[in-house]
């Protein structure tokens, strides 16, 4: 059996054991489908931009302007970043851009939200520190669970087993 524990480092041992049990029993996809039955309908860069903009307006009113958002092929979902944010200067204007891994085009909306929230949190907090995760939880109260489920989804997609 493949060792999946490296993808879940930093989680408490009992959580890692539960996740490994899902994979060893070939139930990870069933778990996600049971919890999130449908994929989202955000299928274009424009729709992603609108989705991210609504979240920004709601939670980060005073953050710097939002430039663009796009789905991009970013390599292997398991070992590479699922999303990136960049900060750029355009004349005298500073803008943030988001790039979300195109493999998330067919993911449940809560998992997409977790990733967008994560990238938006970088608008205010550059590092993954306590304030960063508090901001993520403010924007998505179940953020930590969503992040775990996103990791499970990423491993499945990395193995060619996207349940959506």
N, C-alpha and C. Protein backbone atom coordinates (compact mmCIF):
# COMPACT_ATOMS: atom_id res chain seq x y z
N UNK A 1 0.83 -1.19 0.00
CA UNK A 1 0.00 0.00 0.00
C UNK A 1 0.87 1.26 0.00
N UNK A 2 0.43 2.26 -0.70
CA UNK A 2 1.15 3.52 -0.80
C UNK A 2 1.10 4.25 0.55
N UNK A 3 2.19 4.95 0.87
CA UNK A 3 2.24 5.72 2.12
C UNK A 3 1.73 7.13 1.87
N UNK A 4 0.53 7.39 2.33
CA UNK A 4 -0.11 8.70 2.15
C UNK A 4 0.17 9.65 3.30
N UNK A 5 0.79 9.16 4.37
CA UNK A 5 0.95 9.98 5.57
C UNK A 5 1.76 11.26 5.31
N UNK A 6 2.66 11.23 4.34
CA UNK A 6 3.47 12.43 4.07
C UNK A 6 2.62 13.61 3.60
N UNK A 7 1.46 13.35 3.04
CA UNK A 7 0.58 14.43 2.57
C UNK A 7 -0.22 15.05 3.71
N UNK A 8 -0.18 14.43 4.88
CA UNK A 8 -1.00 14.88 6.00
C UNK A 8 -0.16 15.17 7.24
N UNK A 9 1.09 15.56 7.00
CA UNK A 9 1.97 15.91 8.11
C UNK A 9 1.43 17.17 8.78
N UNK A 10 1.59 17.24 10.07
CA UNK A 10 1.12 18.39 10.82
C UNK A 10 -0.26 18.20 11.41
N UNK A 11 -0.96 17.17 10.97
CA UNK A 11 -2.27 16.86 11.55
C UNK A 11 -2.07 15.94 12.76
N UNK A 12 -2.99 15.98 13.72
CA UNK A 12 -2.88 15.07 14.87
C UNK A 12 -2.89 13.61 14.40
N UNK A 13 -2.17 12.75 15.12
CA UNK A 13 -2.08 11.34 14.71
C UNK A 13 -3.43 10.66 14.50
N UNK A 14 -4.42 10.96 15.33
CA UNK A 14 -5.71 10.28 15.17
C UNK A 14 -6.41 10.70 13.87
N UNK A 15 -6.19 11.94 13.42
CA UNK A 15 -6.75 12.39 12.14
C UNK A 15 -6.03 11.69 10.99
N UNK A 16 -4.70 11.63 11.07
CA UNK A 16 -3.92 10.96 10.02
C UNK A 16 -4.35 9.49 9.93
N UNK A 17 -4.55 8.85 11.07
CA UNK A 17 -4.99 7.45 11.07
C UNK A 17 -6.34 7.29 10.37
N UNK A 18 -7.27 8.20 10.63
CA UNK A 18 -8.58 8.14 9.99
C UNK A 18 -8.47 8.31 8.47
N UNK A 19 -7.64 9.25 8.06
CA UNK A 19 -7.46 9.51 6.62
C UNK A 19 -6.79 8.30 5.96
N UNK A 20 -5.76 7.76 6.59
CA UNK A 20 -5.08 6.59 6.03
C UNK A 20 -6.03 5.40 5.93
N UNK A 21 -6.94 5.29 6.88
CA UNK A 21 -7.95 4.23 6.84
C UNK A 21 -8.84 4.40 5.61
N UNK A 22 -9.22 5.65 5.31
CA UNK A 22 -10.04 5.92 4.11
C UNK A 22 -9.32 5.44 2.85
N UNK A 23 -8.03 5.75 2.75
CA UNK A 23 -7.28 5.35 1.56
C UNK A 23 -7.04 3.85 1.52
N UNK A 24 -6.73 3.24 2.65
CA UNK A 24 -6.45 1.80 2.64
C UNK A 24 -7.70 0.99 2.33
N UNK A 25 -8.87 1.51 2.68
CA UNK A 25 -10.13 0.83 2.37
C UNK A 25 -10.73 1.30 1.05
N UNK A 26 -9.99 2.11 0.33
CA UNK A 26 -10.44 2.68 -0.95
C UNK A 26 -11.79 3.40 -0.79
N UNK A 27 -11.92 4.17 0.28
CA UNK A 27 -13.16 4.88 0.58
C UNK A 27 -13.01 6.40 0.53
N UNK A 28 -11.85 6.91 0.15
CA UNK A 28 -11.63 8.35 0.15
C UNK A 28 -12.58 9.07 -0.81
N UNK A 29 -12.74 8.54 -2.01
CA UNK A 29 -13.64 9.16 -2.99
C UNK A 29 -15.08 9.10 -2.50
N UNK A 30 -15.46 7.98 -1.93
CA UNK A 30 -16.81 7.82 -1.39
C UNK A 30 -17.06 8.82 -0.25
N UNK A 31 -16.05 9.03 0.59
CA UNK A 31 -16.16 10.00 1.68
C UNK A 31 -16.43 11.40 1.12
N UNK A 32 -15.66 11.81 0.12
CA UNK A 32 -15.85 13.15 -0.45
C UNK A 32 -17.20 13.28 -1.13
N UNK A 33 -17.59 12.28 -1.91
CA UNK A 33 -18.89 12.33 -2.61
C UNK A 33 -20.05 12.35 -1.62
N UNK A 34 -19.90 11.66 -0.51
CA UNK A 34 -20.95 11.67 0.50
C UNK A 34 -21.07 13.03 1.18
N UNK A 35 -19.95 13.66 1.38
CA UNK A 35 -19.93 14.96 2.06
C UNK A 35 -20.23 16.11 1.11
N UNK A 36 -19.71 16.02 -0.10
CA UNK A 36 -19.89 17.06 -1.12
C UNK A 36 -20.36 16.38 -2.41
N UNK A 37 -21.67 16.21 -2.58
CA UNK A 37 -22.17 15.40 -3.71
C UNK A 37 -21.87 15.97 -5.09
N UNK A 38 -21.79 17.29 -5.22
CA UNK A 38 -21.67 17.89 -6.55
C UNK A 38 -20.46 18.80 -6.68
N UNK A 39 -19.99 18.90 -7.92
CA UNK A 39 -18.92 19.85 -8.23
C UNK A 39 -19.54 21.24 -8.39
N UNK A 40 -18.72 22.26 -8.24
CA UNK A 40 -19.21 23.63 -8.41
C UNK A 40 -19.46 23.92 -9.88
N UNK A 41 -20.07 25.06 -10.17
CA UNK A 41 -20.34 25.45 -11.56
C UNK A 41 -19.54 26.68 -11.97
N UNK A 42 -18.43 26.91 -11.30
CA UNK A 42 -17.55 28.04 -11.63
C UNK A 42 -16.53 27.51 -12.64
N UNK A 43 -16.82 27.71 -13.92
CA UNK A 43 -16.02 27.04 -14.94
C UNK A 43 -15.22 27.98 -15.84
N UNK A 44 -15.25 29.26 -15.55
CA UNK A 44 -14.48 30.20 -16.37
C UNK A 44 -13.67 31.12 -15.46
N UNK A 45 -12.67 31.74 -16.04
CA UNK A 45 -11.86 32.70 -15.28
C UNK A 45 -12.72 33.86 -14.80
N UNK A 46 -13.66 34.29 -15.63
CA UNK A 46 -14.54 35.40 -15.24
C UNK A 46 -15.39 35.01 -14.03
N UNK A 47 -15.94 33.81 -14.05
CA UNK A 47 -16.75 33.35 -12.93
C UNK A 47 -15.90 33.22 -11.66
N UNK A 48 -14.66 32.75 -11.82
CA UNK A 48 -13.74 32.65 -10.67
C UNK A 48 -13.43 34.05 -10.13
N UNK A 49 -13.19 34.99 -11.02
CA UNK A 49 -12.92 36.38 -10.62
C UNK A 49 -14.11 36.92 -9.82
N UNK A 50 -15.32 36.72 -10.32
CA UNK A 50 -16.51 37.21 -9.63
C UNK A 50 -16.67 36.54 -8.27
N UNK A 51 -16.42 35.26 -8.21
CA UNK A 51 -16.52 34.50 -6.96
C UNK A 51 -15.52 35.03 -5.93
N UNK A 52 -14.27 35.18 -6.35
CA UNK A 52 -13.23 35.67 -5.45
C UNK A 52 -13.48 37.12 -5.04
N UNK A 53 -13.98 37.92 -5.97
CA UNK A 53 -14.27 39.32 -5.68
C UNK A 53 -15.37 39.44 -4.63
N UNK A 54 -16.39 38.60 -4.73
CA UNK A 54 -17.46 38.63 -3.72
C UNK A 54 -16.92 38.29 -2.33
N UNK A 55 -16.06 37.30 -2.25
CA UNK A 55 -15.46 36.95 -0.97
C UNK A 55 -14.59 38.09 -0.45
N UNK A 56 -13.83 38.70 -1.33
CA UNK A 56 -12.98 39.82 -0.93
C UNK A 56 -13.82 40.99 -0.43
N UNK A 57 -14.87 41.33 -1.16
CA UNK A 57 -15.75 42.44 -0.74
C UNK A 57 -16.36 42.17 0.63
N UNK A 58 -16.70 40.93 0.87
CA UNK A 58 -17.37 40.58 2.12
C UNK A 58 -16.43 40.59 3.31
N UNK A 59 -15.19 40.11 3.12
CA UNK A 59 -14.29 39.91 4.25
C UNK A 59 -13.05 40.80 4.27
N UNK A 60 -12.64 41.32 3.14
CA UNK A 60 -11.40 42.09 3.08
C UNK A 60 -11.64 43.45 2.43
N UNK A 61 -12.55 44.19 2.98
CA UNK A 61 -12.96 45.46 2.37
C UNK A 61 -11.81 46.44 2.18
N UNK A 62 -10.87 46.45 3.11
CA UNK A 62 -9.78 47.43 3.05
C UNK A 62 -8.51 46.90 2.41
N UNK A 63 -8.56 45.71 1.87
CA UNK A 63 -7.37 45.13 1.23
C UNK A 63 -7.11 45.82 -0.10
N UNK A 64 -5.89 45.68 -0.57
CA UNK A 64 -5.51 46.28 -1.85
C UNK A 64 -6.39 45.74 -2.98
N UNK A 65 -6.46 46.47 -4.09
CA UNK A 65 -7.31 46.05 -5.20
C UNK A 65 -6.97 44.65 -5.71
N UNK A 66 -7.99 44.02 -6.22
CA UNK A 66 -7.90 42.68 -6.76
C UNK A 66 -7.74 42.81 -8.27
N UNK A 67 -6.70 42.20 -8.82
CA UNK A 67 -6.43 42.34 -10.25
C UNK A 67 -7.18 41.34 -11.10
N UNK A 68 -6.77 40.10 -11.06
CA UNK A 68 -7.41 39.08 -11.89
C UNK A 68 -7.35 37.73 -11.19
N UNK A 69 -8.18 36.84 -11.68
CA UNK A 69 -8.20 35.47 -11.17
C UNK A 69 -8.33 34.54 -12.37
N UNK A 70 -7.64 33.42 -12.29
CA UNK A 70 -7.68 32.50 -13.43
C UNK A 70 -7.41 31.07 -12.96
N UNK A 71 -7.99 30.13 -13.68
CA UNK A 71 -7.64 28.72 -13.51
C UNK A 71 -6.42 28.47 -14.38
N UNK A 72 -5.38 27.89 -13.82
CA UNK A 72 -4.16 27.62 -14.57
C UNK A 72 -3.67 26.22 -14.26
N UNK A 73 -3.07 25.60 -15.25
CA UNK A 73 -2.45 24.30 -15.02
C UNK A 73 -1.18 24.58 -14.23
N UNK A 74 -1.10 24.01 -13.02
CA UNK A 74 0.03 24.29 -12.15
C UNK A 74 0.79 23.03 -11.77
N UNK A 75 0.76 22.05 -12.62
CA UNK A 75 1.51 20.83 -12.34
C UNK A 75 0.76 19.91 -11.40
N UNK A 76 1.48 19.01 -10.83
CA UNK A 76 0.93 17.98 -9.94
C UNK A 76 0.27 18.62 -8.72
N UNK A 77 -1.00 18.30 -8.49
CA UNK A 77 -1.74 18.89 -7.37
C UNK A 77 -1.18 18.47 -6.02
N UNK A 78 -0.55 17.33 -5.95
CA UNK A 78 -0.11 16.83 -4.66
C UNK A 78 1.19 17.50 -4.22
N UNK A 79 2.13 17.68 -5.14
CA UNK A 79 3.44 18.21 -4.75
C UNK A 79 3.59 19.70 -5.03
N UNK A 80 2.79 20.26 -5.91
CA UNK A 80 2.90 21.69 -6.22
C UNK A 80 1.77 22.46 -5.55
N UNK A 81 1.84 23.76 -5.62
CA UNK A 81 0.82 24.62 -5.03
C UNK A 81 -0.51 24.44 -5.77
N UNK A 82 -1.58 24.45 -5.00
CA UNK A 82 -2.92 24.37 -5.59
C UNK A 82 -3.35 25.73 -6.11
N UNK A 83 -2.82 26.74 -5.52
CA UNK A 83 -3.14 28.10 -5.94
C UNK A 83 -1.98 29.00 -5.61
N UNK A 84 -1.93 30.12 -6.30
CA UNK A 84 -0.88 31.10 -6.01
C UNK A 84 -1.50 32.48 -6.05
N UNK A 85 -0.89 33.35 -5.31
CA UNK A 85 -1.27 34.75 -5.39
C UNK A 85 -0.01 35.51 -5.75
N UNK A 86 -0.15 36.52 -6.56
CA UNK A 86 0.99 37.36 -6.89
C UNK A 86 0.59 38.80 -6.64
N UNK A 87 1.59 39.58 -6.39
CA UNK A 87 1.41 40.99 -6.10
C UNK A 87 2.18 41.73 -7.19
N UNK A 88 1.53 42.66 -7.86
CA UNK A 88 2.21 43.36 -8.95
C UNK A 88 1.91 44.84 -8.89
N UNK A 89 2.80 45.59 -9.47
CA UNK A 89 2.62 47.04 -9.60
C UNK A 89 2.24 47.31 -11.05
N UNK A 90 1.20 48.09 -11.22
CA UNK A 90 0.77 48.50 -12.55
C UNK A 90 0.70 50.02 -12.50
N UNK A 91 1.78 50.63 -12.97
CA UNK A 91 1.89 52.08 -12.80
C UNK A 91 2.06 52.36 -11.32
N UNK A 92 1.18 53.16 -10.77
CA UNK A 92 1.23 53.45 -9.34
C UNK A 92 0.25 52.57 -8.55
N UNK A 93 -0.43 51.70 -9.24
CA UNK A 93 -1.45 50.87 -8.61
C UNK A 93 -0.88 49.49 -8.27
N UNK A 94 -1.14 49.06 -7.05
CA UNK A 94 -0.75 47.71 -6.63
C UNK A 94 -1.95 46.80 -6.81
N UNK A 95 -1.71 45.61 -7.31
CA UNK A 95 -2.80 44.66 -7.50
C UNK A 95 -2.35 43.26 -7.12
N UNK A 96 -3.32 42.50 -6.64
CA UNK A 96 -3.11 41.09 -6.35
C UNK A 96 -3.77 40.27 -7.45
N UNK A 97 -3.14 39.17 -7.81
CA UNK A 97 -3.70 38.24 -8.79
C UNK A 97 -3.77 36.86 -8.14
N UNK A 98 -4.77 36.10 -8.55
CA UNK A 98 -4.92 34.72 -8.07
C UNK A 98 -4.82 33.77 -9.25
N UNK A 99 -4.16 32.66 -9.03
CA UNK A 99 -4.15 31.57 -10.00
C UNK A 99 -4.52 30.31 -9.24
N UNK A 100 -5.55 29.63 -9.69
CA UNK A 100 -6.05 28.42 -9.04
C UNK A 100 -5.80 27.24 -9.98
N UNK A 101 -5.30 26.15 -9.43
CA UNK A 101 -5.01 24.97 -10.23
C UNK A 101 -6.25 24.54 -11.01
N UNK A 102 -6.08 24.35 -12.31
CA UNK A 102 -7.22 24.01 -13.17
C UNK A 102 -7.86 22.67 -12.82
N UNK A 103 -7.16 21.82 -12.07
CA UNK A 103 -7.77 20.57 -11.62
C UNK A 103 -8.95 20.83 -10.68
N UNK A 104 -9.03 22.04 -10.14
CA UNK A 104 -10.15 22.39 -9.26
C UNK A 104 -11.37 22.86 -10.03
N UNK A 105 -11.31 22.82 -11.36
CA UNK A 105 -12.50 23.12 -12.17
C UNK A 105 -13.62 22.13 -11.88
N UNK A 106 -13.26 20.93 -11.50
CA UNK A 106 -14.28 19.92 -11.17
C UNK A 106 -14.04 19.46 -9.73
N UNK A 107 -14.33 20.37 -8.82
CA UNK A 107 -14.23 20.10 -7.39
C UNK A 107 -15.49 20.64 -6.72
N UNK A 108 -15.79 20.20 -5.54
CA UNK A 108 -16.93 20.77 -4.82
C UNK A 108 -16.67 22.24 -4.46
N UNK A 109 -17.71 23.03 -4.42
CA UNK A 109 -17.57 24.46 -4.13
C UNK A 109 -16.90 24.73 -2.78
N UNK A 110 -17.21 23.99 -1.71
CA UNK A 110 -16.53 24.28 -0.45
C UNK A 110 -15.01 24.11 -0.53
N UNK A 111 -14.53 23.17 -1.34
CA UNK A 111 -13.09 22.99 -1.47
C UNK A 111 -12.47 24.12 -2.28
N UNK A 112 -13.17 24.57 -3.31
CA UNK A 112 -12.71 25.74 -4.06
C UNK A 112 -12.68 26.95 -3.14
N UNK A 113 -13.72 27.10 -2.34
CA UNK A 113 -13.77 28.24 -1.41
C UNK A 113 -12.59 28.22 -0.45
N UNK A 114 -12.24 27.04 0.07
CA UNK A 114 -11.11 26.93 0.99
C UNK A 114 -9.83 27.44 0.34
N UNK A 115 -9.63 27.10 -0.92
CA UNK A 115 -8.42 27.53 -1.60
C UNK A 115 -8.45 29.02 -1.91
N UNK A 116 -9.58 29.53 -2.37
CA UNK A 116 -9.69 30.96 -2.66
C UNK A 116 -9.51 31.76 -1.37
N UNK A 117 -10.13 31.32 -0.29
CA UNK A 117 -9.98 31.98 1.01
C UNK A 117 -8.52 31.99 1.43
N UNK A 118 -7.83 30.87 1.23
CA UNK A 118 -6.41 30.78 1.57
C UNK A 118 -5.60 31.82 0.80
N UNK A 119 -5.84 31.90 -0.49
CA UNK A 119 -5.09 32.87 -1.30
C UNK A 119 -5.47 34.31 -0.96
N UNK A 120 -6.75 34.56 -0.69
CA UNK A 120 -7.17 35.91 -0.30
C UNK A 120 -6.55 36.31 1.03
N UNK A 121 -6.40 35.37 1.94
CA UNK A 121 -5.80 35.68 3.24
C UNK A 121 -4.38 36.21 3.08
N UNK A 122 -3.71 35.79 2.01
CA UNK A 122 -2.35 36.30 1.75
C UNK A 122 -2.36 37.79 1.39
N UNK A 123 -3.51 38.34 1.05
CA UNK A 123 -3.58 39.77 0.78
C UNK A 123 -3.22 40.56 2.04
N UNK A 124 -3.57 40.03 3.19
CA UNK A 124 -3.30 40.72 4.46
C UNK A 124 -2.14 40.10 5.22
N UNK A 125 -2.00 38.80 5.16
CA UNK A 125 -0.96 38.09 5.90
C UNK A 125 -0.11 37.29 4.91
N UNK A 126 1.15 37.65 4.80
CA UNK A 126 2.03 36.98 3.83
C UNK A 126 2.45 35.59 4.29
N UNK A 127 2.64 35.42 5.59
CA UNK A 127 3.13 34.15 6.12
C UNK A 127 1.99 33.29 6.66
N UNK A 128 2.24 32.00 6.71
CA UNK A 128 1.28 31.06 7.29
C UNK A 128 1.47 31.05 8.81
N UNK A 129 0.93 32.07 9.45
CA UNK A 129 1.06 32.19 10.90
C UNK A 129 -0.33 32.14 11.54
N UNK A 130 -0.38 32.36 12.84
CA UNK A 130 -1.65 32.28 13.56
C UNK A 130 -2.67 33.27 13.01
N UNK A 131 -2.25 34.50 12.74
CA UNK A 131 -3.16 35.52 12.21
C UNK A 131 -3.69 35.11 10.84
N UNK A 132 -2.84 34.49 10.03
CA UNK A 132 -3.25 34.02 8.71
C UNK A 132 -4.39 33.01 8.83
N UNK A 133 -4.19 31.99 9.68
CA UNK A 133 -5.21 30.95 9.82
C UNK A 133 -6.47 31.47 10.51
N UNK A 134 -6.33 32.44 11.40
CA UNK A 134 -7.52 33.06 11.99
C UNK A 134 -8.34 33.78 10.93
N UNK A 135 -7.66 34.44 10.01
CA UNK A 135 -8.35 35.12 8.91
C UNK A 135 -9.04 34.11 8.01
N UNK A 136 -8.37 33.01 7.70
CA UNK A 136 -8.99 31.94 6.90
C UNK A 136 -10.26 31.43 7.59
N UNK A 137 -10.19 31.21 8.89
CA UNK A 137 -11.35 30.71 9.64
C UNK A 137 -12.46 31.75 9.72
N UNK A 138 -12.10 33.02 9.70
CA UNK A 138 -13.11 34.08 9.68
C UNK A 138 -13.89 34.04 8.36
N UNK A 139 -13.18 33.81 7.26
CA UNK A 139 -13.82 33.78 5.94
C UNK A 139 -14.53 32.46 5.67
N UNK A 140 -14.01 31.38 6.22
CA UNK A 140 -14.61 30.04 6.06
C UNK A 140 -14.51 29.34 7.41
N UNK A 141 -15.57 29.42 8.23
CA UNK A 141 -15.50 28.89 9.59
C UNK A 141 -15.02 27.44 9.70
N UNK A 142 -15.27 26.62 8.72
CA UNK A 142 -14.82 25.22 8.73
C UNK A 142 -13.51 25.06 7.96
N UNK A 143 -12.70 26.11 7.90
CA UNK A 143 -11.51 26.12 7.06
C UNK A 143 -10.61 24.90 7.28
N UNK A 144 -10.32 24.56 8.52
CA UNK A 144 -9.37 23.47 8.78
C UNK A 144 -9.89 22.13 8.25
N UNK A 145 -11.18 21.89 8.39
CA UNK A 145 -11.77 20.66 7.84
C UNK A 145 -11.74 20.70 6.32
N UNK A 146 -12.06 21.86 5.75
CA UNK A 146 -12.04 22.00 4.29
C UNK A 146 -10.63 21.79 3.74
N UNK A 147 -9.64 22.30 4.45
CA UNK A 147 -8.25 22.13 4.02
C UNK A 147 -7.87 20.65 4.02
N UNK A 148 -8.29 19.93 5.04
CA UNK A 148 -8.02 18.49 5.10
C UNK A 148 -8.71 17.77 3.94
N UNK A 149 -9.97 18.10 3.71
CA UNK A 149 -10.71 17.48 2.61
C UNK A 149 -10.09 17.85 1.26
N UNK A 150 -9.58 19.06 1.14
CA UNK A 150 -8.90 19.47 -0.09
C UNK A 150 -7.64 18.64 -0.31
N UNK A 151 -6.93 18.32 0.75
CA UNK A 151 -5.75 17.46 0.62
C UNK A 151 -6.16 16.06 0.15
N UNK A 152 -7.23 15.54 0.71
CA UNK A 152 -7.73 14.22 0.28
C UNK A 152 -8.09 14.27 -1.21
N UNK A 153 -8.80 15.32 -1.61
CA UNK A 153 -9.17 15.51 -3.02
C UNK A 153 -7.91 15.58 -3.89
N UNK A 154 -6.91 16.32 -3.44
CA UNK A 154 -5.67 16.48 -4.21
C UNK A 154 -4.96 15.16 -4.43
N UNK A 155 -4.91 14.33 -3.40
CA UNK A 155 -4.27 13.02 -3.54
C UNK A 155 -5.04 12.17 -4.54
N UNK A 156 -6.36 12.18 -4.46
CA UNK A 156 -7.17 11.42 -5.41
C UNK A 156 -6.94 11.89 -6.84
N UNK A 157 -6.95 13.20 -7.05
CA UNK A 157 -6.72 13.75 -8.39
C UNK A 157 -5.32 13.38 -8.87
N UNK A 158 -4.34 13.45 -7.98
CA UNK A 158 -2.97 13.09 -8.33
C UNK A 158 -2.84 11.64 -8.78
N UNK A 159 -3.74 10.80 -8.31
CA UNK A 159 -3.74 9.39 -8.71
C UNK A 159 -4.69 9.12 -9.86
N UNK A 160 -5.28 10.17 -10.42
CA UNK A 160 -6.21 9.99 -11.53
C UNK A 160 -7.56 9.46 -11.11
N UNK A 161 -7.95 9.73 -9.86
CA UNK A 161 -9.22 9.21 -9.33
C UNK A 161 -10.15 10.33 -8.89
N UNK A 162 -10.24 11.39 -9.67
CA UNK A 162 -11.12 12.50 -9.31
C UNK A 162 -12.56 11.99 -9.24
N UNK A 163 -13.20 12.10 -8.08
CA UNK A 163 -14.56 11.58 -7.95
C UNK A 163 -15.63 12.45 -8.60
N UNK A 164 -15.24 13.57 -9.17
CA UNK A 164 -16.22 14.47 -9.78
C UNK A 164 -16.01 14.49 -11.26
